């Protein structure tokens, strides 16, 4: 171990931070304070550090680790966050938490219809922001950080009149100060209805207040 770095390499942090490519959620233990975990792509296996020229041992490669700060996370723990909110009013529910995604549903009824009887685009955006915000909040230490939305956009590619729609939120970028989440909403026949992207800021609680 060198300088508190469990990888024993002062240059590895720089290599990992420079490799946030494709869907790689690449973390270094220096970021553990925020993320609570680290995820390293197999791309680094056997590669040399650009500074100390030390090969990264195979045993240090971690794949598909949970991105959530709390590893004992359960859906039931999220229920109280939606009490007396728009999410509760529209009937949204978180239904599944995976290692790097979460899913939630929303009914298509009088609460989420637009005048023509179709699913309101704003309701889809509300579901997308709810899931993306949940996802961001669950990756940080609540005692130190708070997540606030910066921007959201959505493309409505199809609509529906009834049933239940399901949104799936997964991270595109998990940084120390910002996160970007991709949310895709499908109907009960797995047809894509909406593609949304949410950008979230990660603030220290003292900055937020």
N, C-alpha and C. Protein backbone atom coordinates (compact mmCIF):
# COMPACT_ATOMS: atom_id res chain seq x y z
N UNK A 1 0.84 -1.19 0.00
CA UNK A 1 0.00 0.00 0.00
C UNK A 1 0.87 1.24 0.00
N UNK A 2 0.52 2.20 -0.81
CA UNK A 2 1.31 3.42 -0.93
C UNK A 2 0.42 4.62 -0.68
N UNK A 3 0.74 5.42 0.33
CA UNK A 3 -0.01 6.63 0.58
C UNK A 3 -1.49 6.41 0.81
N UNK A 4 -1.84 5.28 1.42
CA UNK A 4 -3.25 5.00 1.68
C UNK A 4 -4.00 4.48 0.47
N UNK A 5 -3.31 4.29 -0.61
CA UNK A 5 -3.94 3.78 -1.83
C UNK A 5 -3.88 2.26 -1.82
N UNK A 6 -5.01 1.58 -1.68
CA UNK A 6 -4.97 0.11 -1.59
C UNK A 6 -4.47 -0.56 -2.84
N UNK A 7 -4.40 0.17 -3.96
CA UNK A 7 -3.85 -0.42 -5.17
C UNK A 7 -2.33 -0.35 -5.17
N UNK A 8 -1.75 0.41 -4.21
CA UNK A 8 -0.30 0.51 -4.13
C UNK A 8 0.31 1.26 -5.29
N UNK A 9 -0.46 2.11 -5.95
CA UNK A 9 0.04 2.80 -7.13
C UNK A 9 -0.48 4.23 -7.16
N UNK A 10 0.40 5.22 -7.05
CA UNK A 10 -0.06 6.62 -7.03
C UNK A 10 -0.62 7.09 -8.35
N UNK A 11 -0.35 6.38 -9.43
CA UNK A 11 -0.82 6.83 -10.73
C UNK A 11 -2.13 6.21 -11.16
N UNK A 12 -2.61 5.22 -10.42
CA UNK A 12 -3.81 4.50 -10.86
C UNK A 12 -5.04 5.38 -10.81
N UNK A 13 -5.12 6.27 -9.83
CA UNK A 13 -6.27 7.17 -9.74
C UNK A 13 -6.45 7.93 -11.04
N UNK A 14 -5.35 8.46 -11.56
CA UNK A 14 -5.41 9.26 -12.78
C UNK A 14 -5.85 8.41 -13.97
N UNK A 15 -5.34 7.18 -14.03
CA UNK A 15 -5.72 6.30 -15.14
C UNK A 15 -7.20 5.98 -15.12
N UNK A 16 -7.72 5.68 -13.91
CA UNK A 16 -9.11 5.30 -13.80
C UNK A 16 -10.03 6.49 -14.08
N UNK A 17 -9.68 7.65 -13.57
CA UNK A 17 -10.52 8.82 -13.78
C UNK A 17 -10.54 9.22 -15.25
N UNK A 18 -9.50 8.90 -15.99
CA UNK A 18 -9.43 9.26 -17.40
C UNK A 18 -10.12 8.25 -18.30
N UNK A 19 -10.68 7.22 -17.71
CA UNK A 19 -11.21 6.13 -18.51
C UNK A 19 -12.72 5.97 -18.38
N UNK A 20 -13.43 7.04 -18.14
CA UNK A 20 -14.88 6.98 -18.05
C UNK A 20 -15.45 6.93 -19.46
N UNK A 21 -15.29 5.80 -20.09
CA UNK A 21 -15.70 5.66 -21.48
C UNK A 21 -16.87 4.70 -21.60
N UNK A 22 -17.64 4.88 -22.66
CA UNK A 22 -18.80 4.04 -22.92
C UNK A 22 -19.67 3.98 -21.68
N UNK A 23 -20.03 2.79 -21.21
CA UNK A 23 -20.86 2.70 -20.01
C UNK A 23 -20.01 2.31 -18.80
N UNK A 24 -18.75 2.69 -18.80
CA UNK A 24 -17.86 2.31 -17.72
C UNK A 24 -18.01 3.22 -16.52
N UNK A 25 -18.51 2.68 -15.41
CA UNK A 25 -18.63 3.45 -14.19
C UNK A 25 -17.36 3.14 -13.41
N UNK A 26 -16.30 3.86 -13.69
CA UNK A 26 -14.98 3.51 -13.19
C UNK A 26 -14.66 4.34 -11.95
N UNK A 27 -14.50 3.68 -10.82
CA UNK A 27 -14.24 4.38 -9.58
C UNK A 27 -12.90 3.98 -8.99
N UNK A 28 -12.34 4.88 -8.24
CA UNK A 28 -11.12 4.63 -7.50
C UNK A 28 -11.46 4.78 -6.02
N UNK A 29 -10.78 4.09 -5.12
CA UNK A 29 -11.12 4.22 -3.69
C UNK A 29 -11.14 5.65 -3.17
N UNK A 30 -10.45 6.57 -3.83
CA UNK A 30 -10.49 7.96 -3.40
C UNK A 30 -11.90 8.52 -3.49
N UNK A 31 -12.73 7.92 -4.36
CA UNK A 31 -14.11 8.36 -4.52
C UNK A 31 -15.07 7.59 -3.64
N UNK A 32 -14.55 6.69 -2.83
CA UNK A 32 -15.41 5.85 -2.00
C UNK A 32 -16.25 6.67 -1.04
N UNK A 33 -15.74 7.83 -0.65
CA UNK A 33 -16.48 8.68 0.28
C UNK A 33 -17.83 9.08 -0.30
N UNK A 34 -17.89 9.22 -1.62
CA UNK A 34 -19.13 9.60 -2.27
C UNK A 34 -19.90 8.37 -2.73
N UNK A 35 -19.24 7.46 -3.42
CA UNK A 35 -19.95 6.36 -4.06
C UNK A 35 -20.15 5.15 -3.17
N UNK A 36 -19.29 4.98 -2.20
CA UNK A 36 -19.42 3.82 -1.34
C UNK A 36 -18.99 2.53 -1.99
N UNK A 37 -18.41 2.61 -3.16
CA UNK A 37 -17.98 1.40 -3.85
C UNK A 37 -17.02 1.79 -4.96
N UNK A 38 -16.47 0.80 -5.62
CA UNK A 38 -15.68 1.08 -6.81
C UNK A 38 -15.92 -0.01 -7.84
N UNK A 39 -15.84 0.39 -9.10
CA UNK A 39 -16.15 -0.51 -10.21
C UNK A 39 -15.04 -0.32 -11.24
N UNK A 40 -14.35 -1.37 -11.60
CA UNK A 40 -13.23 -1.26 -12.53
C UNK A 40 -13.47 -2.19 -13.70
N UNK A 41 -13.33 -1.68 -14.92
CA UNK A 41 -13.55 -2.50 -16.09
C UNK A 41 -12.39 -3.45 -16.33
N UNK A 42 -12.68 -4.58 -16.95
CA UNK A 42 -11.65 -5.55 -17.29
C UNK A 42 -10.60 -4.94 -18.23
N UNK A 43 -10.94 -3.81 -18.82
CA UNK A 43 -10.00 -3.13 -19.72
C UNK A 43 -8.65 -2.92 -19.07
N UNK A 44 -8.64 -2.72 -17.75
CA UNK A 44 -7.41 -2.39 -17.05
C UNK A 44 -6.58 -3.62 -16.68
N UNK A 45 -7.15 -4.79 -16.84
CA UNK A 45 -6.44 -5.98 -16.40
C UNK A 45 -5.13 -6.14 -17.18
N UNK A 46 -4.05 -6.20 -16.43
CA UNK A 46 -2.75 -6.39 -17.04
C UNK A 46 -2.14 -5.12 -17.62
N UNK A 47 -2.86 -3.98 -17.54
CA UNK A 47 -2.31 -2.73 -18.05
C UNK A 47 -1.29 -2.16 -17.05
N UNK A 48 -0.40 -1.32 -17.55
CA UNK A 48 0.59 -0.71 -16.69
C UNK A 48 0.18 0.71 -16.32
N UNK A 49 0.52 1.11 -15.12
CA UNK A 49 0.30 2.49 -14.70
C UNK A 49 1.23 3.39 -15.48
N UNK A 50 0.72 4.53 -15.95
CA UNK A 50 1.53 5.45 -16.75
C UNK A 50 2.60 6.15 -15.96
N UNK A 51 2.52 6.10 -14.63
CA UNK A 51 3.50 6.80 -13.80
C UNK A 51 4.54 5.85 -13.23
N UNK A 52 4.07 4.80 -12.53
CA UNK A 52 5.03 3.93 -11.86
C UNK A 52 5.34 2.66 -12.66
N UNK A 53 4.63 2.46 -13.80
CA UNK A 53 4.87 1.32 -14.69
C UNK A 53 4.58 -0.03 -14.04
N UNK A 54 3.81 -0.01 -12.97
CA UNK A 54 3.46 -1.25 -12.29
C UNK A 54 2.20 -1.83 -12.93
N UNK A 55 2.24 -3.12 -13.25
CA UNK A 55 1.07 -3.76 -13.83
C UNK A 55 -0.02 -3.90 -12.76
N UNK A 56 -1.25 -3.68 -13.16
CA UNK A 56 -2.38 -3.81 -12.25
C UNK A 56 -2.68 -5.29 -12.06
N UNK A 57 -2.58 -5.82 -10.86
CA UNK A 57 -2.82 -7.25 -10.64
C UNK A 57 -4.25 -7.65 -11.00
N UNK A 58 -4.38 -8.87 -11.46
CA UNK A 58 -5.71 -9.36 -11.84
C UNK A 58 -6.66 -9.38 -10.65
N UNK A 59 -6.13 -9.63 -9.47
CA UNK A 59 -6.98 -9.72 -8.30
C UNK A 59 -7.65 -8.43 -7.91
N UNK A 60 -7.22 -7.32 -8.50
CA UNK A 60 -7.80 -6.03 -8.15
C UNK A 60 -8.91 -5.63 -9.09
N UNK A 61 -9.20 -6.45 -10.07
CA UNK A 61 -10.24 -6.12 -11.03
C UNK A 61 -11.59 -6.54 -10.45
N UNK A 62 -12.50 -5.58 -10.36
CA UNK A 62 -13.84 -5.84 -9.86
C UNK A 62 -14.83 -5.54 -10.98
N UNK A 63 -15.78 -6.43 -11.17
CA UNK A 63 -16.78 -6.22 -12.20
C UNK A 63 -18.19 -6.33 -11.62
N UNK A 64 -19.08 -5.48 -12.14
CA UNK A 64 -20.50 -5.57 -11.83
C UNK A 64 -20.78 -5.50 -10.33
N UNK A 65 -20.06 -4.66 -9.63
CA UNK A 65 -20.36 -4.44 -8.23
C UNK A 65 -21.51 -3.47 -8.11
N UNK A 66 -22.23 -3.54 -7.03
CA UNK A 66 -23.36 -2.65 -6.82
C UNK A 66 -22.89 -1.20 -6.75
N UNK A 67 -23.64 -0.31 -7.37
CA UNK A 67 -23.30 1.11 -7.34
C UNK A 67 -23.92 1.81 -6.13
N UNK A 68 -24.76 1.13 -5.38
CA UNK A 68 -25.47 1.78 -4.29
C UNK A 68 -24.59 1.96 -3.06
N UNK A 69 -24.78 3.07 -2.37
CA UNK A 69 -23.96 3.36 -1.19
C UNK A 69 -24.22 2.32 -0.11
N UNK A 70 -25.49 1.99 0.09
CA UNK A 70 -25.84 0.96 1.08
C UNK A 70 -26.05 -0.37 0.36
N UNK A 71 -25.31 -1.36 0.74
CA UNK A 71 -25.38 -2.66 0.07
C UNK A 71 -26.56 -3.49 0.54
N UNK A 72 -27.20 -3.09 1.65
CA UNK A 72 -28.35 -3.82 2.17
C UNK A 72 -29.66 -3.14 1.77
N UNK A 73 -29.62 -2.38 0.69
CA UNK A 73 -30.76 -1.59 0.26
C UNK A 73 -31.95 -2.48 -0.11
N UNK A 74 -33.15 -2.08 0.37
CA UNK A 74 -34.37 -2.80 0.06
C UNK A 74 -35.43 -1.81 -0.41
N UNK A 75 -36.32 -2.28 -1.26
CA UNK A 75 -37.37 -1.43 -1.81
C UNK A 75 -38.22 -0.83 -0.70
N UNK A 76 -38.49 -1.61 0.34
CA UNK A 76 -39.36 -1.14 1.41
C UNK A 76 -38.81 0.12 2.08
N UNK A 77 -37.49 0.29 2.05
CA UNK A 77 -36.88 1.45 2.69
C UNK A 77 -37.16 2.75 1.94
N UNK A 78 -37.62 2.64 0.69
CA UNK A 78 -37.85 3.84 -0.11
C UNK A 78 -39.28 4.37 0.01
N UNK A 79 -40.17 3.56 0.56
CA UNK A 79 -41.58 3.91 0.57
C UNK A 79 -41.87 5.23 1.28
N UNK A 80 -41.21 5.46 2.41
CA UNK A 80 -41.52 6.66 3.19
C UNK A 80 -41.10 7.95 2.48
N UNK A 81 -40.19 7.84 1.50
CA UNK A 81 -39.75 9.03 0.77
C UNK A 81 -40.85 9.58 -0.15
N UNK A 82 -41.82 8.76 -0.51
CA UNK A 82 -42.85 9.18 -1.46
C UNK A 82 -44.14 9.63 -0.78
N UNK A 83 -44.21 9.53 0.53
CA UNK A 83 -45.43 9.93 1.23
C UNK A 83 -45.72 11.42 1.03
N UNK A 84 -46.97 11.72 0.69
CA UNK A 84 -47.42 13.10 0.51
C UNK A 84 -46.62 13.83 -0.56
N UNK A 85 -46.29 13.14 -1.63
CA UNK A 85 -45.57 13.74 -2.75
C UNK A 85 -46.34 13.49 -4.04
N UNK A 86 -45.88 14.12 -5.13
CA UNK A 86 -46.48 13.88 -6.42
C UNK A 86 -46.35 12.42 -6.83
N UNK A 87 -45.25 11.79 -6.46
CA UNK A 87 -45.05 10.38 -6.79
C UNK A 87 -46.18 9.53 -6.23
N UNK A 88 -46.56 9.79 -4.99
CA UNK A 88 -47.65 9.04 -4.38
C UNK A 88 -48.97 9.37 -5.06
N UNK A 89 -49.19 10.64 -5.37
CA UNK A 89 -50.44 11.06 -6.00
C UNK A 89 -50.63 10.39 -7.36
N UNK A 90 -49.54 10.23 -8.12
CA UNK A 90 -49.64 9.63 -9.44
C UNK A 90 -49.54 8.11 -9.41
N UNK A 91 -49.36 7.54 -8.24
CA UNK A 91 -49.33 6.09 -8.11
C UNK A 91 -48.02 5.44 -8.49
N UNK A 92 -46.92 6.18 -8.45
CA UNK A 92 -45.61 5.62 -8.79
C UNK A 92 -45.12 4.68 -7.70
N UNK A 93 -44.44 3.62 -8.11
CA UNK A 93 -43.86 2.67 -7.16
C UNK A 93 -42.52 2.18 -7.69
N UNK A 94 -41.53 2.11 -6.82
CA UNK A 94 -40.26 1.47 -7.16
C UNK A 94 -40.47 -0.03 -7.03
N UNK A 95 -40.16 -0.76 -8.08
CA UNK A 95 -40.47 -2.20 -8.10
C UNK A 95 -39.24 -3.11 -8.12
N UNK A 96 -38.10 -2.58 -8.49
CA UNK A 96 -36.91 -3.44 -8.59
C UNK A 96 -35.65 -2.61 -8.45
N UNK A 97 -34.69 -3.13 -7.70
CA UNK A 97 -33.38 -2.50 -7.55
C UNK A 97 -32.33 -3.51 -7.96
N UNK A 98 -31.65 -3.25 -9.07
CA UNK A 98 -30.57 -4.12 -9.53
C UNK A 98 -29.23 -3.61 -9.05
N UNK A 99 -28.16 -4.19 -9.54
CA UNK A 99 -26.83 -3.76 -9.11
C UNK A 99 -26.47 -2.39 -9.65
N UNK A 100 -26.99 -2.04 -10.85
CA UNK A 100 -26.68 -0.72 -11.40
C UNK A 100 -27.89 -0.11 -12.11
N UNK A 101 -29.08 -0.42 -11.65
CA UNK A 101 -30.30 0.16 -12.22
C UNK A 101 -31.42 0.03 -11.21
N UNK A 102 -32.48 0.80 -11.43
CA UNK A 102 -33.70 0.60 -10.66
C UNK A 102 -34.90 0.80 -11.57
N UNK A 103 -36.00 0.16 -11.22
CA UNK A 103 -37.21 0.22 -12.02
C UNK A 103 -38.38 0.70 -11.17
N UNK A 104 -39.32 1.35 -11.84
CA UNK A 104 -40.52 1.80 -11.16
C UNK A 104 -41.68 1.85 -12.13
N UNK A 105 -42.89 1.80 -11.60
CA UNK A 105 -44.08 1.79 -12.44
C UNK A 105 -44.97 2.99 -12.15
N UNK A 106 -45.87 3.27 -13.10
CA UNK A 106 -46.86 4.33 -12.94
C UNK A 106 -48.10 3.94 -13.73
N UNK A 107 -49.28 4.04 -13.15
CA UNK A 107 -50.50 3.70 -13.88
C UNK A 107 -50.87 4.78 -14.89
N UNK A 108 -51.47 4.36 -15.98
CA UNK A 108 -51.99 5.29 -16.97
C UNK A 108 -53.50 5.36 -16.73
N UNK A 109 -53.94 6.44 -16.10
CA UNK A 109 -55.36 6.61 -15.77
C UNK A 109 -55.70 8.09 -15.75
N UNK A 110 -56.80 8.46 -15.12
CA UNK A 110 -57.26 9.85 -15.12
C UNK A 110 -56.23 10.81 -14.53
N UNK A 111 -55.34 10.30 -13.68
CA UNK A 111 -54.33 11.17 -13.06
C UNK A 111 -53.19 11.51 -14.01
N UNK A 112 -52.95 10.64 -14.98
CA UNK A 112 -51.79 10.82 -15.86
C UNK A 112 -52.17 11.02 -17.32
N UNK A 113 -53.48 11.16 -17.58
CA UNK A 113 -53.96 11.40 -18.95
C UNK A 113 -53.82 12.87 -19.33
N UNK A 114 -53.67 13.13 -20.63
CA UNK A 114 -53.86 14.47 -21.18
C UNK A 114 -55.26 14.51 -21.79
N UNK A 115 -55.76 15.68 -22.23
CA UNK A 115 -57.15 15.80 -22.68
C UNK A 115 -57.59 14.79 -23.74
N UNK A 116 -56.67 14.33 -24.58
CA UNK A 116 -57.03 13.38 -25.63
C UNK A 116 -57.11 11.95 -25.11
N UNK A 117 -56.87 11.75 -23.82
CA UNK A 117 -56.95 10.41 -23.26
C UNK A 117 -55.67 9.62 -23.35
N UNK A 118 -54.59 10.25 -23.79
CA UNK A 118 -53.28 9.59 -23.88
C UNK A 118 -52.45 9.89 -22.64
N UNK A 119 -51.43 9.09 -22.45
CA UNK A 119 -50.48 9.35 -21.36
C UNK A 119 -49.86 10.72 -21.54
N UNK A 120 -49.95 11.55 -20.55
CA UNK A 120 -49.41 12.91 -20.60
C UNK A 120 -47.88 12.85 -20.62
N UNK A 121 -47.26 13.62 -21.52
CA UNK A 121 -45.80 13.62 -21.59
C UNK A 121 -45.17 14.10 -20.29
N UNK A 122 -45.84 15.04 -19.62
CA UNK A 122 -45.32 15.52 -18.35
C UNK A 122 -45.31 14.44 -17.28
N UNK A 123 -46.27 13.53 -17.35
CA UNK A 123 -46.30 12.42 -16.39
C UNK A 123 -45.11 11.49 -16.63
N UNK A 124 -44.79 11.27 -17.90
CA UNK A 124 -43.62 10.44 -18.21
C UNK A 124 -42.35 11.09 -17.69
N UNK A 125 -42.24 12.41 -17.86
CA UNK A 125 -41.06 13.13 -17.36
C UNK A 125 -41.01 13.06 -15.83
N UNK A 126 -42.19 13.15 -15.19
CA UNK A 126 -42.22 13.06 -13.73
C UNK A 126 -41.72 11.69 -13.26
N UNK A 127 -42.13 10.63 -13.95
CA UNK A 127 -41.64 9.29 -13.60
C UNK A 127 -40.14 9.20 -13.83
N UNK A 128 -39.68 9.74 -14.95
CA UNK A 128 -38.25 9.69 -15.25
C UNK A 128 -37.43 10.43 -14.21
N UNK A 129 -37.87 11.61 -13.83
CA UNK A 129 -37.09 12.37 -12.84
C UNK A 129 -37.16 11.71 -11.47
N UNK A 130 -38.28 11.13 -11.15
CA UNK A 130 -38.40 10.44 -9.86
C UNK A 130 -37.41 9.28 -9.78
N UNK A 131 -37.37 8.46 -10.81
CA UNK A 131 -36.47 7.30 -10.80
C UNK A 131 -35.01 7.72 -10.85
N UNK A 132 -34.70 8.70 -11.72
CA UNK A 132 -33.33 9.16 -11.81
C UNK A 132 -32.85 9.80 -10.52
N UNK A 133 -33.73 10.58 -9.89
CA UNK A 133 -33.37 11.22 -8.63
C UNK A 133 -33.18 10.20 -7.52
N UNK A 134 -34.06 9.20 -7.49
CA UNK A 134 -33.88 8.11 -6.52
C UNK A 134 -32.53 7.44 -6.74
N UNK A 135 -32.24 7.13 -8.01
CA UNK A 135 -30.98 6.47 -8.31
C UNK A 135 -29.78 7.26 -7.85
N UNK A 136 -29.77 8.55 -8.15
CA UNK A 136 -28.65 9.40 -7.74
C UNK A 136 -28.51 9.44 -6.23
N UNK A 137 -29.64 9.63 -5.55
CA UNK A 137 -29.60 9.74 -4.09
C UNK A 137 -29.09 8.47 -3.43
N UNK A 138 -29.36 7.34 -4.04
CA UNK A 138 -28.99 6.06 -3.44
C UNK A 138 -27.51 5.72 -3.62
N UNK A 139 -26.79 6.51 -4.42
CA UNK A 139 -25.37 6.24 -4.62
C UNK A 139 -24.48 7.05 -3.69
N UNK A 140 -25.05 7.96 -2.91
CA UNK A 140 -24.23 8.84 -2.06
C UNK A 140 -24.54 8.64 -0.59
N UNK A 141 -23.65 9.17 0.25
CA UNK A 141 -23.82 9.15 1.69
C UNK A 141 -24.76 10.29 2.07
N UNK A 142 -25.97 9.97 2.54
CA UNK A 142 -26.96 11.00 2.84
C UNK A 142 -26.53 11.93 3.96
N UNK A 143 -25.62 11.49 4.79
CA UNK A 143 -25.18 12.34 5.89
C UNK A 143 -24.25 13.45 5.41
N UNK A 144 -23.68 13.28 4.22
CA UNK A 144 -22.71 14.26 3.73
C UNK A 144 -23.15 14.96 2.45
N UNK A 145 -23.99 14.30 1.64
CA UNK A 145 -24.30 14.83 0.32
C UNK A 145 -25.80 14.87 0.06
N UNK A 146 -26.19 15.76 -0.85
CA UNK A 146 -27.57 15.85 -1.31
C UNK A 146 -27.54 15.96 -2.83
N UNK A 147 -28.52 15.37 -3.49
CA UNK A 147 -28.60 15.38 -4.96
C UNK A 147 -29.73 16.30 -5.40
N UNK A 148 -29.44 17.19 -6.32
CA UNK A 148 -30.46 18.10 -6.85
C UNK A 148 -30.42 18.07 -8.37
N UNK A 149 -31.59 18.14 -8.98
CA UNK A 149 -31.67 18.09 -10.43
C UNK A 149 -31.14 19.35 -11.09
N UNK A 150 -30.42 19.18 -12.19
CA UNK A 150 -29.92 20.31 -12.98
C UNK A 150 -30.70 20.47 -14.28
N UNK A 151 -30.95 19.35 -14.95
CA UNK A 151 -31.62 19.42 -16.26
C UNK A 151 -32.22 18.07 -16.58
N UNK A 152 -33.36 18.09 -17.28
CA UNK A 152 -33.96 16.85 -17.76
C UNK A 152 -34.54 17.10 -19.14
N UNK A 153 -34.39 16.11 -20.02
CA UNK A 153 -35.03 16.18 -21.33
C UNK A 153 -35.68 14.85 -21.63
N UNK A 154 -36.59 14.87 -22.57
CA UNK A 154 -37.32 13.64 -22.89
C UNK A 154 -37.78 13.65 -24.34
N UNK A 155 -37.73 12.48 -24.94
CA UNK A 155 -38.29 12.26 -26.28
C UNK A 155 -39.43 11.25 -26.15
N UNK A 156 -40.61 11.67 -26.56
CA UNK A 156 -41.78 10.79 -26.50
C UNK A 156 -41.95 10.13 -27.87
N UNK A 157 -41.66 8.86 -27.94
CA UNK A 157 -41.65 8.16 -29.22
C UNK A 157 -42.93 7.37 -29.49
N UNK A 158 -43.74 7.18 -28.47
CA UNK A 158 -45.00 6.45 -28.60
C UNK A 158 -45.85 6.81 -27.39
N UNK A 159 -47.15 6.60 -27.49
CA UNK A 159 -48.00 6.86 -26.34
C UNK A 159 -48.87 5.65 -26.06
N UNK A 160 -49.65 5.76 -25.00
CA UNK A 160 -50.56 4.68 -24.61
C UNK A 160 -51.74 5.29 -23.88
N UNK A 161 -52.83 4.55 -23.79
CA UNK A 161 -54.05 5.06 -23.18
C UNK A 161 -54.38 4.41 -21.83
N UNK A 162 -53.82 3.26 -21.57
CA UNK A 162 -54.18 2.55 -20.34
C UNK A 162 -53.06 1.60 -19.94
N UNK A 163 -53.26 1.01 -18.78
CA UNK A 163 -52.28 0.03 -18.32
C UNK A 163 -51.28 0.60 -17.34
N UNK A 164 -50.12 -0.03 -17.32
CA UNK A 164 -49.04 0.34 -16.41
C UNK A 164 -47.78 0.56 -17.23
N UNK A 165 -47.10 1.66 -17.00
CA UNK A 165 -45.83 1.88 -17.69
C UNK A 165 -44.69 1.66 -16.69
N UNK A 166 -43.57 1.19 -17.22
CA UNK A 166 -42.41 0.88 -16.38
C UNK A 166 -41.20 1.68 -16.84
N UNK A 167 -40.57 2.36 -15.91
CA UNK A 167 -39.36 3.11 -16.20
C UNK A 167 -38.14 2.40 -15.64
N UNK A 168 -37.06 2.41 -16.40
CA UNK A 168 -35.80 1.82 -15.96
C UNK A 168 -34.73 2.90 -15.98
N UNK A 169 -34.14 3.18 -14.83
CA UNK A 169 -33.11 4.21 -14.71
C UNK A 169 -31.75 3.57 -14.50
N UNK A 170 -30.79 3.98 -15.31
CA UNK A 170 -29.42 3.48 -15.17
C UNK A 170 -28.45 4.64 -15.39
N UNK A 171 -27.31 4.62 -14.73
CA UNK A 171 -26.38 5.75 -14.83
C UNK A 171 -25.55 5.71 -16.11
N UNK A 172 -25.36 6.88 -16.69
CA UNK A 172 -24.44 7.06 -17.80
C UNK A 172 -23.11 7.57 -17.27
N UNK A 173 -23.21 8.44 -16.28
CA UNK A 173 -22.01 9.05 -15.68
C UNK A 173 -22.25 9.22 -14.19
N UNK A 174 -21.35 8.70 -13.36
CA UNK A 174 -21.41 8.88 -11.92
C UNK A 174 -20.13 9.58 -11.48
N UNK A 175 -20.19 10.88 -11.40
CA UNK A 175 -19.02 11.66 -11.03
C UNK A 175 -19.08 12.13 -9.59
N UNK A 176 -18.06 12.85 -9.18
CA UNK A 176 -17.99 13.35 -7.81
C UNK A 176 -18.86 14.58 -7.61
N UNK A 177 -19.17 15.32 -8.67
CA UNK A 177 -19.99 16.52 -8.54
C UNK A 177 -21.26 16.48 -9.38
N UNK A 178 -21.30 15.63 -10.41
CA UNK A 178 -22.51 15.49 -11.23
C UNK A 178 -22.74 14.03 -11.59
N UNK A 179 -23.99 13.73 -11.88
CA UNK A 179 -24.36 12.42 -12.38
C UNK A 179 -25.31 12.61 -13.57
N UNK A 180 -25.27 11.67 -14.50
CA UNK A 180 -26.19 11.68 -15.63
C UNK A 180 -26.87 10.33 -15.68
N UNK A 181 -28.21 10.35 -15.71
CA UNK A 181 -28.99 9.12 -15.70
C UNK A 181 -29.83 9.00 -16.96
N UNK A 182 -29.90 7.79 -17.48
CA UNK A 182 -30.72 7.45 -18.63
C UNK A 182 -31.96 6.72 -18.12
N UNK A 183 -33.14 7.21 -18.50
CA UNK A 183 -34.38 6.59 -18.07
C UNK A 183 -35.21 6.24 -19.30
N UNK A 184 -35.60 4.99 -19.41
CA UNK A 184 -36.40 4.51 -20.54
C UNK A 184 -37.72 3.95 -20.02
N UNK A 185 -38.81 4.41 -20.61
CA UNK A 185 -40.14 4.02 -20.17
C UNK A 185 -40.80 3.15 -21.23
N UNK A 186 -41.30 2.00 -20.81
CA UNK A 186 -41.95 1.05 -21.71
C UNK A 186 -43.37 0.77 -21.23
N UNK A 187 -44.22 0.33 -22.17
CA UNK A 187 -45.57 -0.07 -21.78
C UNK A 187 -45.58 -1.56 -21.41
N UNK A 188 -46.74 -2.10 -21.18
CA UNK A 188 -46.85 -3.49 -20.74
C UNK A 188 -46.47 -4.49 -21.82
N UNK A 189 -46.37 -4.01 -23.06
CA UNK A 189 -45.96 -4.88 -24.17
C UNK A 189 -44.49 -4.68 -24.53
N UNK A 190 -43.74 -4.02 -23.63
CA UNK A 190 -42.31 -3.76 -23.82
C UNK A 190 -42.04 -2.80 -24.98
N UNK A 191 -43.02 -2.01 -25.36
CA UNK A 191 -42.80 -1.01 -26.40
C UNK A 191 -42.26 0.27 -25.77
N UNK A 192 -41.23 0.83 -26.40
CA UNK A 192 -40.60 2.03 -25.87
C UNK A 192 -41.52 3.24 -26.05
N UNK A 193 -41.79 3.93 -24.95
CA UNK A 193 -42.64 5.11 -24.99
C UNK A 193 -41.85 6.41 -24.88
N UNK A 194 -40.83 6.39 -24.05
CA UNK A 194 -40.12 7.64 -23.76
C UNK A 194 -38.66 7.35 -23.42
N UNK A 195 -37.78 8.23 -23.91
CA UNK A 195 -36.35 8.19 -23.56
C UNK A 195 -36.03 9.52 -22.89
N UNK A 196 -35.51 9.46 -21.67
CA UNK A 196 -35.23 10.68 -20.92
C UNK A 196 -33.81 10.64 -20.38
N UNK A 197 -33.24 11.83 -20.20
CA UNK A 197 -31.90 11.94 -19.62
C UNK A 197 -31.92 13.02 -18.54
N UNK A 198 -31.46 12.64 -17.37
CA UNK A 198 -31.47 13.53 -16.20
C UNK A 198 -30.05 13.82 -15.74
N UNK A 199 -29.75 15.09 -15.52
CA UNK A 199 -28.46 15.51 -14.97
C UNK A 199 -28.68 15.98 -13.54
N UNK A 200 -27.86 15.47 -12.64
CA UNK A 200 -28.01 15.75 -11.21
C UNK A 200 -26.71 16.32 -10.67
N UNK A 201 -26.81 17.30 -9.78
CA UNK A 201 -25.64 17.85 -9.09
C UNK A 201 -25.51 17.19 -7.73
N UNK A 202 -24.26 16.88 -7.33
CA UNK A 202 -23.98 16.30 -6.02
C UNK A 202 -23.37 17.41 -5.16
N UNK A 203 -24.08 17.81 -4.14
CA UNK A 203 -23.64 18.92 -3.29
C UNK A 203 -23.35 18.44 -1.88
N UNK A 204 -22.35 19.06 -1.26
CA UNK A 204 -22.15 18.84 0.17
C UNK A 204 -23.30 19.49 0.90
N UNK A 205 -23.78 18.90 1.95
CA UNK A 205 -24.95 19.42 2.63
C UNK A 205 -24.73 20.84 3.14
N UNK A 206 -23.53 21.17 3.54
CA UNK A 206 -23.27 22.51 4.04
C UNK A 206 -23.37 23.54 2.92
N UNK A 207 -23.03 23.13 1.66
CA UNK A 207 -23.18 24.01 0.50
C UNK A 207 -24.66 24.18 0.16
N UNK A 208 -25.42 23.08 0.32
CA UNK A 208 -26.83 23.12 -0.05
C UNK A 208 -27.60 24.06 0.87
N UNK A 209 -27.23 24.09 2.14
CA UNK A 209 -27.95 24.94 3.09
C UNK A 209 -27.36 26.34 3.12
